[in-house]
Structures are given as structure tokens and as C-alpha cells.
């Protein structure tokens, strides 16, 4: 065993341990079963479930809550605070929101962990919420706001508002990622997610959401009466999808492109939360038996905005090097499937294509099948990782994603 792996697996009173990691179902925006729910409802549901998962824990012990959110009005802070209060936490528990686009809730987990590590807090929650149904749609600053942006030398500034689908096409064109492999990865995502759902592997991580729902027709018009429903499963998974059926779909972003609605992540609604605590605090409170694992560390890195999808291929090596780990030390990888093109590139660049084929990367599917509720994705992936490691028996796991405007983020977690 290498020194780096030994250090990561060792236990210390100062460790940032995880006592709970839960999520709501992730559902399709506009037509899915959470389309009529507000983001604060989703967050409140998962925060309440986090509190109830450890009934012996006084909610006042949770000193701060970080919520990743990308699209909500007013930065989501008011809605998130409402959710916290509605979930039964005292007014002494503070809250902040974080926006690092697709990595927002992983950033929240990392920030809460940093507070614990530096003694600012003893316990906190890293969470995320997003209703893309209610808030999706570009409100980007026009690129003509600065006259100098008309100069080709300023392309990196302009590219910060480049449509994500075009960045996907750039990755495919520049790095030779063909349509066939993209469709194969997308089909595998659905197949793996369907298996996980049908086998009940998601049951321990998903918190049911009771909300209102009204059917819509193919044009998106409301039909029928509003009714109360309880949502227990992700609804974007399509069992039986094949690479051959996906090959029939037309390009979504360029007439001659390779990215389609079928091999890109779904626009989704959902929320997730992870409870973090210093190990010594958990021990003092008699919660040692509740420890699922620990957060080891995270890092971010920048890249060209017009190929933002390559972010994980840069962030993962940076983090593993910092921790003295090798890719062989990692038992399970969760790499966000923003687009199949960038996932394939990252797998190739990281030398993980064989690991993906063996089911060590996204073994329960990814965002192509499950969906990508921007602010909640990092915490959703953390929940899937921690419960998956427990089921499979692995110890070290990595969560990573590309980030809009040209970034990557990665986090390392350990199961106990």
C-alpha cells in the first residue's frame, strides 16, 4: 500500500466524516413528476430527511448549511433559508449558497468541510437544489457589452457565454470522439441506471417527495386536474435504449454535429444533501456508529471555456497528485455525464476506458440517464458514490465534473 493510500485510509479525530448522504428523485424538467415543485420544497424534503435519518442528533448541532444553486432567483438564498427553517432546523443554524455552475453542491460540501477542518464549525451540511423547470433559460450578458470583444484575441472572454452544446461539439471535433462511441456511452448510462433502479440500489439514497402535479400534453400544455403525488423514483431513465436507437436522433446543436438529445445530459429537477461532522465531535455525541465514510479533499482547475467538458481530465490528476494517490487506488468513479463527448474524452485521457467497461465508472448510470439538476448534481453524485461503495465494498471514490465557463472539479471520498 502506498503512503498516499495509507494516509487517506487512516483515521484521525480531525477527519471530516459523513453521517448521511441523501437525495430526492431526479426528474425531467417540464414534463417530469417534480416539474410543479419549487426548489425550496425539494431542498426542505431532503434536509428534513437528513435530520430524521439520525433522530438522536440535535438539529442545533448543525451550525452551517451550504446550498449549491445555479438558476434560482436572488441566488437561491431566501428560498434555501426558507427550506432550512421548514425542515425543522433552529434559527441558530446559518446558511449560504454557492454557485460554481455544475459543481455547485460539491463546492458546498468542500466549503463546509473546510469550515470544520479549520475549526469554524463542528458540523454542517453540504447540499444543492435546482428546479430547471422554473428557472432554466439563458439570461447571459450580451457579448457586445465590451467593444474589444469583437477582437478575435478576446475569444476566451466571449466563449464564457458559448452554448454548452457547442462546447461539446468542440471536444468531439478536436479530440476525435465519434458519434458511435457517444451513443454507446449514452445507452450504457440508461442500461446501468435502469438496473440500479430495478434492483433497488437507489432506494437507500432516495427520499420520497410529496408534491403537486399536473399532466401536460406533447405541446407542453397543462391538461387534467392538479393532484397530489409522492415521487419515489427517477423518471428520466429509459430502459431498453440502445446505441442503434440513439443513432437515429438528429444532432441537437449543429447540423453536422454528434451531440444529440439522447447522448447529452437531461434538464432536470432535484435536490441532495450530505451531513458532515468532525470525527471527534461525532464520537463525543455517540454517533460513531453512524459514520458512512469521510470527505478527504477536493480541488478545482480552469481550462478553455470553449471546451469546458475536459475539466475532469485536468482536475482528477491534480487532486490525486496532491493526495499521493494513483488511479489504481480508486475503487469507484462518478464522472458527470454532461455530454457523452466529454465523458469519452476524459475516460481516454485519464486511462479509464477499461475501468468504465468493467463498471467502475458510473456503474449506476450518470446524468445522461439520471439527469443533471445543476446545483444539486455534485451532492447527488456524492450520495450515489457513498451508497454504491457501501453496496459494492470499495473504499476510495472520486466525484468529478466539468464546469461551465471552463473548469473542472474533483473530490475524493472514503467509505468506512
Foldseek 3Di string as FASTA:
>chain_A
DDPLLVVQPDDDLQFKFFLAKAKAAKEFALATPCNPPDQLLQLLLQLLVVCVVCVLDQLQLAAEEEEFEAFDPPLCQVSVVVSNVSSPHDPNRYYDYAYLWQCGLVVQVQVQSVCSNVVVHFKHKRKYWFRCNVGPDDPDDPPPPDVVCVDPVNVLVVLLPPDPLQLLQVLCVVPVPDLLQLLQQLLLQLQLQVVCVVVVLCQRRHRKRWDKDFGADPVSHTDDDIDIDIDTHQDQRDPPRHSVVVVPFQADPDRPGRFGLRSAFGAIGIMIMIMIGRNNVCVVSVNNVSTFWGWDHKDKDFDRQSNLLLAVLPRVVVVCVVSVHDPVLAQAEEEARRGSSSVVVSCVSNVNPVVVVVLRYSSNHHRSRRHRRRRGRNSVSVSSVSSVCVVVVHFKYKYKYGTRSGMIMMTIITGD
